[in-house]
Amino acid sequence: MNNRLLLPLATLVLALPLASRAQSAPARTAAPLAVGTVAPAFKGVDAAGRPVELKQLLKKGPVVLYFYRGQWCPYCNKQLSQLQDSLQLLTAKGAQVVVITPETQENIGKTVEKTKAAFPIVQDLGFVIMTAYHTAVTVDPATVLKYKGFGVDLQKANASADDVLPVPATYVIGRDGRIKFAYFNPDYSQRVSVRRVAAAL
């Protein structure tokens, strides 16, 4: 084959992966899982290094699953502080509380300091659990810039190349593994009360 033809062909082959990498990941949109559907299985490790697995937790009782955005979010800190203060309302009904976040273990430590949280907080590496529960949302570039103006770098906070946050949703999962209650509000300033969650158990 003519060597002059090989060079453009090689250049084209090398350029293809670069073009693919240049494309951003598909945008993630969120929508609540319906009450009555089977809750997606998940495994993780909490801030203390202990394994957390939905299947094992359900052997002990219902599970209340919370999602929060990060230690930088005042609404999240307020909600988790209130959850800690009223935790007995849930545990008295045999429920176990698990909290999911995209933030790094270091930032989870800051959340625990701010909220005194004694329940398991699991770092969702790669947004796997958030995606399974339909809470993961790609943050638009304008909002990303706005957050950076407030000193919040989402990629750094979550150790990720993607700007993704969860809708701060709450799910109650019955011992049968099905969702009994879902609170899902894209307005991150609105959170469900612990009493309302307790009533759903």
N, C-alpha and C. Protein backbone atom coordinates (compact mmCIF):
# COMPACT_ATOMS: atom_id res chain seq x y z
N MET A 1 0.85 -1.20 0.00
CA MET A 1 0.00 0.00 0.00
C MET A 1 0.88 1.24 0.00
N ASN A 2 0.41 2.25 -0.67
CA ASN A 2 1.16 3.50 -0.75
C ASN A 2 1.27 4.13 0.64
N ASN A 3 2.51 4.45 1.05
CA ASN A 3 2.75 5.04 2.37
C ASN A 3 2.05 6.38 2.54
N ARG A 4 1.85 7.08 1.43
CA ARG A 4 1.18 8.38 1.52
C ARG A 4 -0.29 8.21 1.91
N LEU A 5 -0.88 7.04 1.63
CA LEU A 5 -2.26 6.77 2.01
C LEU A 5 -2.34 6.35 3.48
N LEU A 6 -1.28 5.71 3.98
CA LEU A 6 -1.29 5.21 5.36
C LEU A 6 -1.35 6.34 6.38
N LEU A 7 -0.65 7.43 6.13
CA LEU A 7 -0.57 8.52 7.10
C LEU A 7 -1.94 9.15 7.39
N PRO A 8 -2.71 9.54 6.36
CA PRO A 8 -4.03 10.10 6.66
C PRO A 8 -4.93 9.09 7.36
N LEU A 9 -4.83 7.78 6.99
CA LEU A 9 -5.65 6.75 7.61
C LEU A 9 -5.31 6.61 9.08
N ALA A 10 -4.02 6.61 9.40
CA ALA A 10 -3.58 6.51 10.79
C ALA A 10 -4.04 7.72 11.59
N THR A 11 -3.97 8.87 10.97
CA THR A 11 -4.39 10.10 11.65
C THR A 11 -5.88 10.03 11.98
N LEU A 12 -6.68 9.49 11.04
CA LEU A 12 -8.11 9.37 11.25
C LEU A 12 -8.42 8.41 12.39
N VAL A 13 -7.72 7.26 12.42
CA VAL A 13 -7.94 6.25 13.47
C VAL A 13 -7.59 6.83 14.84
N LEU A 14 -6.49 7.57 14.93
CA LEU A 14 -6.08 8.16 16.20
C LEU A 14 -7.04 9.25 16.65
N ALA A 15 -7.63 9.94 15.69
CA ALA A 15 -8.51 11.05 16.02
C ALA A 15 -9.86 10.59 16.56
N LEU A 16 -10.30 9.39 16.18
CA LEU A 16 -11.62 8.92 16.60
C LEU A 16 -11.77 8.81 18.11
N PRO A 17 -10.84 8.18 18.84
CA PRO A 17 -11.00 8.12 20.29
C PRO A 17 -11.00 9.51 20.93
N LEU A 18 -10.20 10.42 20.38
CA LEU A 18 -10.15 11.76 20.94
C LEU A 18 -11.49 12.46 20.79
N ALA A 19 -12.11 12.28 19.63
CA ALA A 19 -13.42 12.89 19.40
C ALA A 19 -14.46 12.30 20.36
N SER A 20 -14.37 10.99 20.61
CA SER A 20 -15.32 10.34 21.52
C SER A 20 -15.16 10.87 22.93
N ARG A 21 -13.88 11.06 23.34
CA ARG A 21 -13.63 11.55 24.69
C ARG A 21 -14.09 12.99 24.86
N ALA A 22 -14.08 13.74 23.78
CA ALA A 22 -14.46 15.15 23.86
C ALA A 22 -15.95 15.33 24.13
N GLN A 23 -16.74 14.31 23.73
CA GLN A 23 -18.17 14.40 23.96
C GLN A 23 -18.46 14.22 25.44
N SER A 24 -19.34 15.04 25.99
CA SER A 24 -19.67 14.92 27.40
C SER A 24 -20.59 13.73 27.64
N ALA A 25 -20.62 13.27 28.90
CA ALA A 25 -21.49 12.16 29.25
C ALA A 25 -22.94 12.59 29.08
N PRO A 26 -23.84 11.64 28.78
CA PRO A 26 -25.26 11.99 28.61
C PRO A 26 -25.79 12.64 29.88
N ALA A 27 -26.64 13.63 29.72
CA ALA A 27 -27.22 14.32 30.87
C ALA A 27 -28.13 13.36 31.64
N ARG A 28 -28.05 13.45 32.95
CA ARG A 28 -28.89 12.60 33.80
C ARG A 28 -30.10 13.41 34.26
N THR A 29 -31.27 12.81 34.17
CA THR A 29 -32.48 13.44 34.66
C THR A 29 -33.10 12.50 35.70
N ALA A 30 -33.85 13.08 36.63
CA ALA A 30 -34.38 12.30 37.74
C ALA A 30 -35.90 12.22 37.70
N ALA A 31 -36.41 11.12 38.23
CA ALA A 31 -37.86 10.91 38.37
C ALA A 31 -38.03 9.88 39.48
N PRO A 32 -39.05 10.02 40.32
CA PRO A 32 -39.18 9.11 41.47
C PRO A 32 -39.51 7.69 41.06
N LEU A 33 -39.01 6.73 41.84
CA LEU A 33 -39.45 5.35 41.70
C LEU A 33 -40.84 5.25 42.30
N ALA A 34 -41.70 4.48 41.67
CA ALA A 34 -43.08 4.39 42.10
C ALA A 34 -43.23 3.54 43.36
N VAL A 35 -44.16 3.93 44.21
CA VAL A 35 -44.49 3.12 45.38
C VAL A 35 -45.00 1.76 44.88
N GLY A 36 -44.52 0.71 45.52
CA GLY A 36 -44.90 -0.65 45.13
C GLY A 36 -43.86 -1.36 44.28
N THR A 37 -42.92 -0.59 43.71
CA THR A 37 -41.87 -1.22 42.90
C THR A 37 -40.78 -1.79 43.81
N VAL A 38 -40.07 -2.76 43.27
CA VAL A 38 -38.97 -3.38 44.02
C VAL A 38 -37.81 -2.40 44.11
N ALA A 39 -37.31 -2.18 45.31
CA ALA A 39 -36.20 -1.26 45.51
C ALA A 39 -34.92 -1.86 44.94
N PRO A 40 -34.15 -1.10 44.18
CA PRO A 40 -32.90 -1.63 43.62
C PRO A 40 -31.92 -2.04 44.73
N ALA A 41 -31.30 -3.18 44.53
CA ALA A 41 -30.30 -3.66 45.50
C ALA A 41 -29.07 -2.76 45.43
N PHE A 42 -28.40 -2.60 46.55
CA PHE A 42 -27.16 -1.83 46.55
C PHE A 42 -26.24 -2.29 47.67
N LYS A 43 -24.96 -2.05 47.46
CA LYS A 43 -23.94 -2.31 48.47
C LYS A 43 -23.06 -1.08 48.57
N GLY A 44 -22.49 -0.86 49.72
CA GLY A 44 -21.58 0.25 49.90
C GLY A 44 -20.81 0.10 51.20
N VAL A 45 -20.06 1.12 51.52
CA VAL A 45 -19.30 1.16 52.76
C VAL A 45 -19.59 2.50 53.42
N ASP A 46 -19.89 2.48 54.72
CA ASP A 46 -20.20 3.75 55.39
C ASP A 46 -18.92 4.48 55.80
N ALA A 47 -19.09 5.63 56.41
CA ALA A 47 -17.96 6.48 56.76
C ALA A 47 -17.01 5.82 57.75
N ALA A 48 -17.51 4.82 58.49
CA ALA A 48 -16.67 4.11 59.46
C ALA A 48 -16.02 2.87 58.85
N GLY A 49 -16.25 2.65 57.54
CA GLY A 49 -15.66 1.50 56.87
C GLY A 49 -16.48 0.22 56.99
N ARG A 50 -17.70 0.31 57.50
CA ARG A 50 -18.54 -0.87 57.66
C ARG A 50 -19.35 -1.12 56.40
N PRO A 51 -19.52 -2.38 56.02
CA PRO A 51 -20.31 -2.69 54.82
C PRO A 51 -21.79 -2.39 55.05
N VAL A 52 -22.43 -1.87 54.02
CA VAL A 52 -23.86 -1.57 54.06
C VAL A 52 -24.49 -2.21 52.83
N GLU A 53 -25.41 -3.14 53.05
CA GLU A 53 -26.07 -3.84 51.94
C GLU A 53 -27.56 -3.91 52.20
N LEU A 54 -28.34 -3.48 51.23
CA LEU A 54 -29.79 -3.44 51.40
C LEU A 54 -30.36 -4.80 51.77
N LYS A 55 -29.92 -5.84 51.10
CA LYS A 55 -30.44 -7.19 51.35
C LYS A 55 -30.28 -7.60 52.81
N GLN A 56 -29.12 -7.30 53.38
CA GLN A 56 -28.86 -7.65 54.78
C GLN A 56 -29.67 -6.78 55.73
N LEU A 57 -29.80 -5.51 55.40
CA LEU A 57 -30.54 -4.59 56.26
C LEU A 57 -32.01 -4.99 56.35
N LEU A 58 -32.59 -5.43 55.24
CA LEU A 58 -34.01 -5.77 55.21
C LEU A 58 -34.32 -7.01 56.03
N LYS A 59 -33.31 -7.80 56.36
CA LYS A 59 -33.53 -8.96 57.24
C LYS A 59 -33.85 -8.51 58.67
N LYS A 60 -33.45 -7.28 58.99
CA LYS A 60 -33.66 -6.74 60.34
C LYS A 60 -34.91 -5.88 60.45
N GLY A 61 -35.34 -5.30 59.33
CA GLY A 61 -36.50 -4.42 59.37
C GLY A 61 -36.55 -3.53 58.15
N PRO A 62 -37.54 -2.62 58.12
CA PRO A 62 -37.64 -1.69 56.99
C PRO A 62 -36.43 -0.75 56.95
N VAL A 63 -36.19 -0.18 55.78
CA VAL A 63 -35.05 0.72 55.59
C VAL A 63 -35.57 2.07 55.12
N VAL A 64 -35.04 3.12 55.74
CA VAL A 64 -35.34 4.49 55.28
C VAL A 64 -34.09 5.00 54.60
N LEU A 65 -34.22 5.32 53.32
CA LEU A 65 -33.09 5.72 52.50
C LEU A 65 -33.18 7.21 52.16
N TYR A 66 -32.17 7.95 52.60
CA TYR A 66 -32.10 9.39 52.32
C TYR A 66 -30.97 9.66 51.34
N PHE A 67 -31.15 10.68 50.51
CA PHE A 67 -30.10 11.16 49.62
C PHE A 67 -29.82 12.62 49.96
N TYR A 68 -28.53 12.98 50.07
CA TYR A 68 -28.20 14.39 50.29
C TYR A 68 -27.06 14.82 49.39
N ARG A 69 -26.95 16.13 49.18
CA ARG A 69 -26.06 16.69 48.17
C ARG A 69 -24.62 16.87 48.63
N GLY A 70 -24.41 17.36 49.85
CA GLY A 70 -23.04 17.56 50.31
C GLY A 70 -22.98 18.41 51.57
N GLN A 71 -21.83 18.38 52.22
CA GLN A 71 -21.65 19.13 53.46
C GLN A 71 -21.74 20.64 53.25
N TRP A 72 -21.61 21.07 52.02
CA TRP A 72 -21.69 22.50 51.67
C TRP A 72 -23.13 23.00 51.58
N CYS A 73 -24.10 22.08 51.62
CA CYS A 73 -25.52 22.43 51.44
C CYS A 73 -26.19 22.65 52.79
N PRO A 74 -26.59 23.89 53.11
CA PRO A 74 -27.19 24.15 54.43
C PRO A 74 -28.51 23.42 54.63
N TYR A 75 -29.27 23.21 53.56
CA TYR A 75 -30.53 22.49 53.69
C TYR A 75 -30.29 21.03 54.06
N CYS A 76 -29.24 20.44 53.49
CA CYS A 76 -28.88 19.06 53.80
C CYS A 76 -28.44 18.94 55.26
N ASN A 77 -27.60 19.86 55.70
CA ASN A 77 -27.11 19.82 57.08
C ASN A 77 -28.27 19.97 58.07
N LYS A 78 -29.21 20.85 57.75
CA LYS A 78 -30.37 21.03 58.63
C LYS A 78 -31.20 19.76 58.67
N GLN A 79 -31.43 19.14 57.51
CA GLN A 79 -32.23 17.93 57.46
C GLN A 79 -31.57 16.79 58.24
N LEU A 80 -30.26 16.61 58.05
CA LEU A 80 -29.57 15.51 58.73
C LEU A 80 -29.49 15.75 60.23
N SER A 81 -29.36 17.00 60.64
CA SER A 81 -29.37 17.33 62.08
C SER A 81 -30.73 17.00 62.69
N GLN A 82 -31.80 17.36 61.98
CA GLN A 82 -33.15 17.05 62.45
C GLN A 82 -33.38 15.54 62.47
N LEU A 83 -32.85 14.85 61.47
CA LEU A 83 -32.97 13.40 61.42
C LEU A 83 -32.29 12.78 62.63
N GLN A 84 -31.09 13.24 62.94
CA GLN A 84 -30.37 12.71 64.10
C GLN A 84 -31.14 12.99 65.39
N ASP A 85 -31.67 14.20 65.53
CA ASP A 85 -32.41 14.57 66.74
C ASP A 85 -33.67 13.74 66.92
N SER A 86 -34.30 13.32 65.81
CA SER A 86 -35.57 12.58 65.87
C SER A 86 -35.42 11.13 65.44
N LEU A 87 -34.21 10.63 65.44
CA LEU A 87 -33.93 9.29 64.93
C LEU A 87 -34.75 8.22 65.62
N GLN A 88 -35.03 8.41 66.90
CA GLN A 88 -35.76 7.40 67.67
C GLN A 88 -37.17 7.18 67.13
N LEU A 89 -37.74 8.21 66.49
CA LEU A 89 -39.07 8.04 65.91
C LEU A 89 -39.06 6.93 64.85
N LEU A 90 -37.93 6.75 64.19
CA LEU A 90 -37.81 5.74 63.14
C LEU A 90 -37.31 4.41 63.71
N THR A 91 -36.29 4.47 64.54
CA THR A 91 -35.72 3.23 65.09
C THR A 91 -36.70 2.52 66.02
N ALA A 92 -37.59 3.29 66.65
CA ALA A 92 -38.59 2.68 67.53
C ALA A 92 -39.55 1.78 66.76
N LYS A 93 -39.64 2.02 65.45
CA LYS A 93 -40.49 1.19 64.59
C LYS A 93 -39.68 0.12 63.88
N GLY A 94 -38.45 -0.09 64.32
CA GLY A 94 -37.60 -1.13 63.76
C GLY A 94 -36.89 -0.74 62.48
N ALA A 95 -36.99 0.53 62.10
CA ALA A 95 -36.38 0.97 60.85
C ALA A 95 -34.89 1.23 61.00
N GLN A 96 -34.18 1.03 59.92
CA GLN A 96 -32.77 1.36 59.85
C GLN A 96 -32.62 2.48 58.83
N VAL A 97 -31.83 3.46 59.18
CA VAL A 97 -31.64 4.63 58.33
C VAL A 97 -30.30 4.53 57.62
N VAL A 98 -30.31 4.75 56.31
CA VAL A 98 -29.08 4.79 55.51
C VAL A 98 -29.13 6.06 54.68
N VAL A 99 -28.01 6.75 54.62
CA VAL A 99 -27.93 8.01 53.88
C VAL A 99 -26.91 7.88 52.77
N ILE A 100 -27.27 8.33 51.58
CA ILE A 100 -26.44 8.21 50.38
C ILE A 100 -26.02 9.59 49.91
N THR A 101 -24.75 9.75 49.54
CA THR A 101 -24.24 11.02 49.05
C THR A 101 -23.15 10.80 48.01
N PRO A 102 -22.99 11.72 47.07
CA PRO A 102 -21.89 11.59 46.12
C PRO A 102 -20.57 12.14 46.66
N GLU A 103 -20.60 12.84 47.80
CA GLU A 103 -19.39 13.51 48.26
C GLU A 103 -18.33 12.54 48.78
N THR A 104 -17.09 13.00 48.80
CA THR A 104 -15.95 12.18 49.21
C THR A 104 -16.03 11.83 50.70
N GLN A 105 -15.25 10.82 51.09
CA GLN A 105 -15.22 10.42 52.49
C GLN A 105 -14.77 11.58 53.39
N GLU A 106 -13.83 12.37 52.90
CA GLU A 106 -13.36 13.53 53.68
C GLU A 106 -14.51 14.49 53.94
N ASN A 107 -15.32 14.74 52.93
CA ASN A 107 -16.44 15.65 53.09
C ASN A 107 -17.56 15.02 53.92
N ILE A 108 -17.71 13.70 53.84
CA ILE A 108 -18.67 13.02 54.72
C ILE A 108 -18.28 13.26 56.17
N GLY A 109 -16.98 13.22 56.45
CA GLY A 109 -16.50 13.50 57.80
C GLY A 109 -16.92 14.89 58.27
N LYS A 110 -16.89 15.85 57.36
CA LYS A 110 -17.32 17.22 57.71
C LYS A 110 -18.82 17.25 57.96
N THR A 111 -19.58 16.45 57.20
CA THR A 111 -21.03 16.37 57.41
C THR A 111 -21.32 15.82 58.80
N VAL A 112 -20.60 14.77 59.17
CA VAL A 112 -20.81 14.16 60.49
C VAL A 112 -20.49 15.16 61.60
N GLU A 113 -19.43 15.93 61.42
CA GLU A 113 -19.08 16.96 62.42
C GLU A 113 -20.18 18.00 62.56
N LYS A 114 -20.74 18.41 61.43
CA LYS A 114 -21.76 19.46 61.45
C LYS A 114 -23.11 18.98 61.97
N THR A 115 -23.45 17.72 61.71
CA THR A 115 -24.80 17.22 62.00
C THR A 115 -24.85 16.23 63.17
N LYS A 116 -23.69 15.74 63.61
CA LYS A 116 -23.61 14.72 64.68
C LYS A 116 -24.27 13.42 64.25
N ALA A 117 -24.33 13.17 62.94
CA ALA A 117 -25.00 11.99 62.40
C ALA A 117 -24.38 10.70 62.94
N ALA A 118 -25.24 9.83 63.47
CA ALA A 118 -24.79 8.54 64.00
C ALA A 118 -25.26 7.38 63.12
N PHE A 119 -25.93 7.70 62.02
CA PHE A 119 -26.43 6.68 61.10
C PHE A 119 -25.42 6.49 59.97
N PRO A 120 -25.50 5.36 59.25
CA PRO A 120 -24.55 5.11 58.17
C PRO A 120 -24.71 6.12 57.02
N ILE A 121 -23.59 6.70 56.59
CA ILE A 121 -23.56 7.56 55.41
C ILE A 121 -22.64 6.91 54.40
N VAL A 122 -23.16 6.63 53.23
CA VAL A 122 -22.44 5.88 52.20
C VAL A 122 -22.06 6.80 51.05
N GLN A 123 -20.78 6.76 50.68
CA GLN A 123 -20.33 7.50 49.50
C GLN A 123 -20.72 6.72 48.26
N ASP A 124 -21.45 7.36 47.37
CA ASP A 124 -21.93 6.72 46.15
C ASP A 124 -20.94 6.96 45.01
N LEU A 125 -19.93 6.11 44.96
CA LEU A 125 -18.91 6.23 43.93
C LEU A 125 -19.50 6.00 42.55
N GLY A 126 -19.25 6.93 41.65
CA GLY A 126 -19.77 6.80 40.28
C GLY A 126 -21.26 7.01 40.17
N PHE A 127 -21.90 7.48 41.24
CA PHE A 127 -23.34 7.77 41.24
C PHE A 127 -24.19 6.53 40.94
N VAL A 128 -23.70 5.36 41.34
CA VAL A 128 -24.37 4.10 41.00
C VAL A 128 -25.72 3.98 41.72
N ILE A 129 -25.73 4.25 43.03
CA ILE A 129 -26.96 4.12 43.80
C ILE A 129 -27.94 5.22 43.42
N MET A 130 -27.42 6.43 43.27
CA MET A 130 -28.27 7.55 42.86
C MET A 130 -28.95 7.26 41.52
N THR A 131 -28.22 6.69 40.60
CA THR A 131 -28.78 6.36 39.29
C THR A 131 -29.84 5.29 39.41
N ALA A 132 -29.58 4.26 40.22
CA ALA A 132 -30.54 3.17 40.40
C ALA A 132 -31.85 3.66 40.99
N TYR A 133 -31.76 4.66 41.88
CA TYR A 133 -32.96 5.19 42.53
C TYR A 133 -33.50 6.45 41.83
N HIS A 134 -32.95 6.73 40.64
CA HIS A 134 -33.44 7.81 39.77
C HIS A 134 -33.34 9.19 40.42
N THR A 135 -32.34 9.38 41.29
CA THR A 135 -32.18 10.69 41.93
C THR A 135 -31.05 11.51 41.32
N ALA A 136 -30.21 10.90 40.48
CA ALA A 136 -29.04 11.59 39.92
C ALA A 136 -29.45 12.60 38.85
N VAL A 137 -28.92 13.81 38.97
CA VAL A 137 -29.23 14.88 38.02
C VAL A 137 -27.92 15.54 37.58
N THR A 138 -27.78 15.75 36.28
CA THR A 138 -26.64 16.51 35.77
C THR A 138 -26.92 18.00 35.98
N VAL A 139 -26.01 18.67 36.67
CA VAL A 139 -26.18 20.09 36.97
C VAL A 139 -25.79 20.91 35.74
N ASP A 140 -26.63 21.85 35.35
CA ASP A 140 -26.36 22.64 34.16
C ASP A 140 -25.17 23.58 34.37
N PRO A 141 -24.46 23.92 33.29
CA PRO A 141 -23.24 24.72 33.40
C PRO A 141 -23.42 26.05 34.13
N ALA A 142 -24.56 26.71 33.95
CA ALA A 142 -24.79 28.00 34.63
C ALA A 142 -24.84 27.81 36.15
N THR A 143 -25.48 26.73 36.59
CA THR A 143 -25.56 26.46 38.03
C THR A 143 -24.20 26.06 38.58
N VAL A 144 -23.44 25.30 37.78
CA VAL A 144 -22.09 24.91 38.20
C VAL A 144 -21.24 26.15 38.46
N LEU A 145 -21.33 27.12 37.55
CA LEU A 145 -20.58 28.38 37.71
C LEU A 145 -21.08 29.16 38.93
N LYS A 146 -22.38 29.14 39.14
CA LYS A 146 -22.96 29.83 40.29
C LYS A 146 -22.42 29.22 41.58
N TYR A 147 -22.39 27.90 41.65
CA TYR A 147 -21.87 27.22 42.84
C TYR A 147 -20.39 27.55 43.06
N LYS A 148 -19.64 27.58 41.96
CA LYS A 148 -18.22 27.91 42.08
C LYS A 148 -18.04 29.32 42.65
N GLY A 149 -18.96 30.22 42.30
CA GLY A 149 -18.92 31.57 42.85
C GLY A 149 -19.13 31.58 44.36
N PHE A 150 -19.81 30.53 44.86
CA PHE A 150 -20.02 30.37 46.30
C PHE A 150 -18.91 29.53 46.94
N GLY A 151 -17.91 29.17 46.13
CA GLY A 151 -16.81 28.36 46.65
C GLY A 151 -17.07 26.87 46.65
N VAL A 152 -18.08 26.43 45.89
CA VAL A 152 -18.41 25.00 45.82
C VAL A 152 -18.04 24.45 44.45
N ASP A 153 -17.02 23.60 44.41
CA ASP A 153 -16.61 22.93 43.18
C ASP A 153 -17.13 21.51 43.24
N LEU A 154 -18.18 21.23 42.48
CA LEU A 154 -18.84 19.92 42.57
C LEU A 154 -17.91 18.77 42.20
N GLN A 155 -17.09 18.96 41.17
CA GLN A 155 -16.20 17.89 40.75
C GLN A 155 -15.18 17.57 41.84
N LYS A 156 -14.69 18.59 42.50
CA LYS A 156 -13.74 18.39 43.59
C LYS A 156 -14.45 17.79 44.81
N ALA A 157 -15.62 18.29 45.13
CA ALA A 157 -16.37 17.81 46.29
C ALA A 157 -16.74 16.34 46.17
N ASN A 158 -16.98 15.90 44.92
CA ASN A 158 -17.41 14.52 44.69
C ASN A 158 -16.32 13.65 44.06
N ALA A 159 -15.14 14.23 43.84
CA ALA A 159 -14.04 13.51 43.19
C ALA A 159 -14.52 12.85 41.90
N SER A 160 -15.15 13.66 41.06
CA SER A 160 -15.72 13.14 39.81
C SER A 160 -15.51 14.16 38.70
N ALA A 161 -15.45 13.66 37.48
CA ALA A 161 -15.32 14.54 36.32
C ALA A 161 -16.67 15.07 35.86
N ASP A 162 -17.75 14.56 36.45
CA ASP A 162 -19.10 14.97 36.07
C ASP A 162 -19.74 15.81 37.17
N ASP A 163 -20.51 16.80 36.77
CA ASP A 163 -21.23 17.65 37.71
C ASP A 163 -22.61 17.05 37.95
N VAL A 164 -22.68 16.15 38.92
CA VAL A 164 -23.91 15.42 39.20
C VAL A 164 -24.26 15.55 40.69
N LEU A 165 -25.54 15.78 40.96
CA LEU A 165 -26.05 15.83 42.33
C LEU A 165 -27.33 15.01 42.42
N PRO A 166 -27.68 14.58 43.63
CA PRO A 166 -28.97 13.89 43.76
C PRO A 166 -30.10 14.86 44.08
N VAL A 167 -31.29 14.54 43.61
CA VAL A 167 -32.48 15.14 44.20
C VAL A 167 -32.50 14.62 45.64
N PRO A 168 -32.66 15.47 46.65
CA PRO A 168 -32.61 14.99 48.04
C PRO A 168 -33.88 14.22 48.42
N ALA A 169 -34.02 13.06 47.81
CA ALA A 169 -35.22 12.24 47.97
C ALA A 169 -35.13 11.37 49.22
N THR A 170 -36.29 10.85 49.63
CA THR A 170 -36.37 9.90 50.74
C THR A 170 -37.28 8.76 50.33
N TYR A 171 -36.81 7.54 50.55
CA TYR A 171 -37.60 6.34 50.26
C TYR A 171 -37.73 5.50 51.52
N VAL A 172 -38.91 4.94 51.74
CA VAL A 172 -39.11 3.93 52.78
C VAL A 172 -39.27 2.60 52.06
N ILE A 173 -38.42 1.64 52.44
CA ILE A 173 -38.43 0.32 51.80
C ILE A 173 -38.90 -0.70 52.83
N GLY A 174 -39.99 -1.40 52.50
CA GLY A 174 -40.53 -2.41 53.41
C GLY A 174 -39.67 -3.66 53.46
N ARG A 175 -39.92 -4.51 54.42
CA ARG A 175 -39.13 -5.74 54.57
C ARG A 175 -39.28 -6.66 53.37
N ASP A 176 -40.35 -6.46 52.60
CA ASP A 176 -40.55 -7.25 51.38
C ASP A 176 -39.71 -6.73 50.22
N GLY A 177 -38.94 -5.65 50.47
CA GLY A 177 -38.07 -5.11 49.44
C GLY A 177 -38.75 -4.14 48.49
N ARG A 178 -40.00 -3.82 48.78
CA ARG A 178 -40.73 -2.89 47.91
C ARG A 178 -40.82 -1.49 48.54
N ILE A 179 -40.87 -0.50 47.68
CA ILE A 179 -40.95 0.88 48.15
C ILE A 179 -42.36 1.16 48.69
N LYS A 180 -42.42 1.59 49.95
CA LYS A 180 -43.70 1.88 50.61
C LYS A 180 -44.03 3.37 50.58
N PHE A 181 -43.00 4.20 50.47
CA PHE A 181 -43.20 5.65 50.52
C PHE A 181 -42.05 6.31 49.78
N ALA A 182 -42.38 7.37 49.06
CA ALA A 182 -41.34 8.12 48.35
C ALA A 182 -41.63 9.61 48.47
N TYR A 183 -40.62 10.36 48.90
CA TYR A 183 -40.70 11.81 48.86
C TYR A 183 -39.64 12.28 47.88
N PHE A 184 -40.08 12.98 46.85
CA PHE A 184 -39.20 13.34 45.75
C PHE A 184 -39.56 14.74 45.28
N ASN A 185 -38.73 15.71 45.63
CA ASN A 185 -39.02 17.09 45.27
C ASN A 185 -37.75 17.72 44.68
N PRO A 186 -37.77 18.07 43.39
CA PRO A 186 -36.60 18.69 42.76
C PRO A 186 -36.17 20.00 43.43
N ASP A 187 -37.07 20.63 44.20
CA ASP A 187 -36.71 21.84 44.94
C ASP A 187 -35.90 21.41 46.16
N TYR A 188 -34.58 21.58 46.08
CA TYR A 188 -33.69 21.08 47.13
C TYR A 188 -33.91 21.74 48.49
N SER A 189 -34.66 22.85 48.53
CA SER A 189 -34.91 23.53 49.79
C SER A 189 -36.07 22.89 50.56
N GLN A 190 -36.80 21.99 49.91
CA GLN A 190 -37.94 21.33 50.54
C GLN A 190 -37.57 19.91 50.94
N ARG A 191 -37.78 19.56 52.20
CA ARG A 191 -37.45 18.23 52.71
C ARG A 191 -38.62 17.65 53.49
N VAL A 192 -38.71 16.34 53.49
CA VAL A 192 -39.78 15.67 54.21
C VAL A 192 -39.45 15.64 55.70
N SER A 193 -40.48 15.74 56.55
CA SER A 193 -40.25 15.70 57.99
C SER A 193 -40.05 14.26 58.46
N VAL A 194 -39.34 14.10 59.56
CA VAL A 194 -39.11 12.77 60.13
C VAL A 194 -40.44 12.16 60.56
N ARG A 195 -41.34 12.98 61.08
CA ARG A 195 -42.64 12.48 61.51
C ARG A 195 -43.44 11.90 60.35
N ARG A 196 -43.35 12.54 59.21
CA ARG A 196 -44.08 12.02 58.04
C ARG A 196 -43.48 10.69 57.59
N VAL A 197 -42.17 10.57 57.66
CA VAL A 197 -41.51 9.32 57.31
C VAL A 197 -41.91 8.23 58.30
N ALA A 198 -41.93 8.58 59.59
CA ALA A 198 -42.30 7.61 60.62
C ALA A 198 -43.72 7.11 60.41
N ALA A 199 -44.61 8.00 59.98
CA ALA A 199 -45.99 7.62 59.74
C ALA A 199 -46.12 6.62 58.58
N ALA A 200 -45.14 6.63 57.70
CA ALA A 200 -45.16 5.74 56.53
C ALA A 200 -44.62 4.35 56.84
N LEU A 201 -43.99 4.20 58.00
CA LEU A 201 -43.40 2.91 58.36
C LEU A 201 -44.47 1.91 58.82
